[in-house]
Amino acid sequence: MSPPLLLLCGPAFSGKSTVAAHLFRRWDFRVVSLDEINARRGLHGGQGIPDAEAPALEP
């Protein structure tokens, strides 16, 4: 059986990371933050996905 998956979704600056931090302290689990992923890619604060990569995300 796969471990449970919890997704926190919401608009920017709505407290998703804060909630994730509180949950992590209570139950030790892996947190995957799109903010961190985007920062590593050089994107900061709502800059979005580079235009060159956007077509790859379309169905």
N, C-alpha and C. Protein backbone atom coordinates (compact mmCIF):
# COMPACT_ATOMS: atom_id res chain seq x y z
N MET A 1 0.84 -1.18 0.00
CA MET A 1 0.00 0.00 0.00
C MET A 1 0.89 1.25 0.00
N SER A 2 0.54 2.21 -0.82
CA SER A 2 1.30 3.46 -0.89
C SER A 2 1.04 4.32 0.33
N PRO A 3 2.04 5.11 0.73
CA PRO A 3 1.82 6.03 1.85
C PRO A 3 0.82 7.11 1.44
N PRO A 4 0.14 7.71 2.41
CA PRO A 4 -0.81 8.76 2.07
C PRO A 4 -0.11 9.97 1.44
N LEU A 5 -0.84 10.67 0.62
CA LEU A 5 -0.34 11.87 -0.05
C LEU A 5 -1.23 13.03 0.34
N LEU A 6 -0.63 14.10 0.84
CA LEU A 6 -1.37 15.29 1.24
C LEU A 6 -0.91 16.44 0.37
N LEU A 7 -1.83 17.08 -0.32
CA LEU A 7 -1.51 18.23 -1.16
C LEU A 7 -2.12 19.47 -0.53
N LEU A 8 -1.33 20.51 -0.41
CA LEU A 8 -1.82 21.80 0.06
C LEU A 8 -1.84 22.74 -1.13
N CYS A 9 -3.01 23.18 -1.51
CA CYS A 9 -3.16 24.06 -2.66
C CYS A 9 -3.82 25.36 -2.23
N GLY A 10 -3.46 26.43 -2.88
CA GLY A 10 -4.07 27.72 -2.58
C GLY A 10 -3.30 28.83 -3.26
N PRO A 11 -3.85 30.04 -3.18
CA PRO A 11 -3.19 31.17 -3.82
C PRO A 11 -1.88 31.54 -3.12
N ALA A 12 -1.09 32.32 -3.80
CA ALA A 12 0.18 32.78 -3.24
C ALA A 12 -0.04 33.51 -1.92
N PHE A 13 0.87 33.29 -0.99
CA PHE A 13 0.87 33.94 0.32
C PHE A 13 -0.36 33.61 1.15
N SER A 14 -0.92 32.41 0.96
CA SER A 14 -2.11 32.02 1.74
C SER A 14 -1.75 31.18 2.96
N GLY A 15 -0.45 30.85 3.13
CA GLY A 15 -0.02 30.11 4.31
C GLY A 15 0.23 28.63 4.10
N LYS A 16 0.33 28.19 2.86
CA LYS A 16 0.56 26.76 2.58
C LYS A 16 1.86 26.26 3.20
N SER A 17 2.93 27.01 3.05
CA SER A 17 4.22 26.59 3.60
C SER A 17 4.20 26.58 5.12
N THR A 18 3.49 27.51 5.72
CA THR A 18 3.36 27.56 7.18
C THR A 18 2.63 26.33 7.69
N VAL A 19 1.54 25.96 7.03
CA VAL A 19 0.78 24.77 7.41
C VAL A 19 1.65 23.53 7.24
N ALA A 20 2.38 23.44 6.12
CA ALA A 20 3.26 22.28 5.88
C ALA A 20 4.31 22.17 6.98
N ALA A 21 4.87 23.29 7.41
CA ALA A 21 5.89 23.26 8.46
C ALA A 21 5.30 22.75 9.77
N HIS A 22 4.10 23.17 10.11
CA HIS A 22 3.45 22.70 11.34
C HIS A 22 3.15 21.20 11.25
N LEU A 23 2.66 20.76 10.10
CA LEU A 23 2.36 19.33 9.93
C LEU A 23 3.63 18.50 9.99
N PHE A 24 4.73 19.00 9.41
CA PHE A 24 6.00 18.28 9.41
C PHE A 24 6.50 18.08 10.84
N ARG A 25 6.35 19.12 11.67
CA ARG A 25 6.79 18.99 13.07
C ARG A 25 5.98 17.95 13.82
N ARG A 26 4.72 17.82 13.46
CA ARG A 26 3.85 16.87 14.16
C ARG A 26 4.02 15.44 13.64
N TRP A 27 4.06 15.29 12.32
CA TRP A 27 4.23 13.98 11.68
C TRP A 27 5.42 14.10 10.74
N ASP A 28 6.45 13.33 10.99
CA ASP A 28 7.65 13.39 10.17
C ASP A 28 7.37 12.85 8.77
N PHE A 29 7.33 13.72 7.79
CA PHE A 29 7.11 13.30 6.41
C PHE A 29 7.90 14.22 5.49
N ARG A 30 7.93 13.87 4.23
CA ARG A 30 8.69 14.65 3.25
C ARG A 30 7.84 15.80 2.73
N VAL A 31 8.41 16.99 2.72
CA VAL A 31 7.75 18.18 2.19
C VAL A 31 8.40 18.52 0.86
N VAL A 32 7.61 18.63 -0.18
CA VAL A 32 8.09 19.06 -1.49
C VAL A 32 7.49 20.43 -1.75
N SER A 33 8.33 21.44 -1.83
CA SER A 33 7.88 22.81 -1.99
C SER A 33 8.18 23.30 -3.40
N LEU A 34 7.14 23.72 -4.11
CA LEU A 34 7.37 24.26 -5.44
C LEU A 34 8.14 25.58 -5.37
N ASP A 35 8.02 26.30 -4.26
CA ASP A 35 8.81 27.52 -4.08
C ASP A 35 10.30 27.19 -4.14
N GLU A 36 10.70 26.11 -3.46
CA GLU A 36 12.11 25.71 -3.47
C GLU A 36 12.55 25.26 -4.86
N ILE A 37 11.70 24.47 -5.50
CA ILE A 37 12.03 23.99 -6.85
C ILE A 37 12.20 25.17 -7.80
N ASN A 38 11.26 26.11 -7.75
CA ASN A 38 11.34 27.28 -8.63
C ASN A 38 12.56 28.13 -8.32
N ALA A 39 12.90 28.29 -7.05
CA ALA A 39 14.08 29.09 -6.69
C ALA A 39 15.35 28.46 -7.25
N ARG A 40 15.43 27.13 -7.23
CA ARG A 40 16.60 26.45 -7.79
C ARG A 40 16.69 26.64 -9.30
N ARG A 41 15.53 26.86 -9.92
CA ARG A 41 15.49 27.09 -11.37
C ARG A 41 15.67 28.56 -11.72
N GLY A 42 15.84 29.40 -10.68
CA GLY A 42 16.05 30.82 -10.93
C GLY A 42 14.77 31.62 -11.01
N LEU A 43 13.65 31.03 -10.60
CA LEU A 43 12.36 31.74 -10.61
C LEU A 43 12.02 32.14 -9.19
N HIS A 44 11.60 33.37 -9.01
CA HIS A 44 11.30 33.85 -7.66
C HIS A 44 9.98 34.61 -7.65
N GLY A 45 9.18 34.36 -6.63
CA GLY A 45 7.99 35.15 -6.38
C GLY A 45 7.01 35.32 -7.51
N GLY A 46 6.46 34.22 -8.01
CA GLY A 46 5.40 34.32 -9.00
C GLY A 46 5.85 34.62 -10.41
N GLN A 47 7.12 34.40 -10.71
CA GLN A 47 7.60 34.66 -12.06
C GLN A 47 7.08 33.63 -13.05
N GLY A 48 6.65 32.49 -12.57
CA GLY A 48 6.08 31.48 -13.44
C GLY A 48 7.09 30.62 -14.15
N ILE A 49 6.61 29.86 -15.10
CA ILE A 49 7.43 28.92 -15.85
C ILE A 49 7.97 29.62 -17.09
N PRO A 50 9.24 29.45 -17.39
CA PRO A 50 9.79 30.08 -18.60
C PRO A 50 9.00 29.67 -19.83
N ASP A 51 8.79 30.61 -20.75
CA ASP A 51 7.99 30.34 -21.95
C ASP A 51 8.47 29.12 -22.72
N ALA A 52 9.78 28.89 -22.75
CA ALA A 52 10.33 27.76 -23.50
C ALA A 52 9.87 26.42 -22.93
N GLU A 53 9.54 26.37 -21.63
CA GLU A 53 9.13 25.12 -21.01
C GLU A 53 7.61 24.95 -20.99
N ALA A 54 6.86 26.00 -21.16
CA ALA A 54 5.41 25.94 -21.04
C ALA A 54 4.76 24.96 -22.02
N PRO A 55 5.15 24.89 -23.30
CA PRO A 55 4.51 23.94 -24.21
C PRO A 55 4.63 22.49 -23.75
N ALA A 56 5.69 22.15 -23.04
CA ALA A 56 5.88 20.77 -22.57
C ALA A 56 4.84 20.39 -21.53
N LEU A 57 4.20 21.36 -20.91
CA LEU A 57 3.22 21.09 -19.87
C LEU A 57 1.81 20.95 -20.41
N GLU A 58 1.59 21.30 -21.67
CA GLU A 58 0.26 21.22 -22.25
C GLU A 58 -0.09 19.77 -22.55
N PRO A 59 -1.39 19.42 -22.40
CA PRO A 59 -1.79 18.01 -22.66
C PRO A 59 -1.65 17.63 -24.12
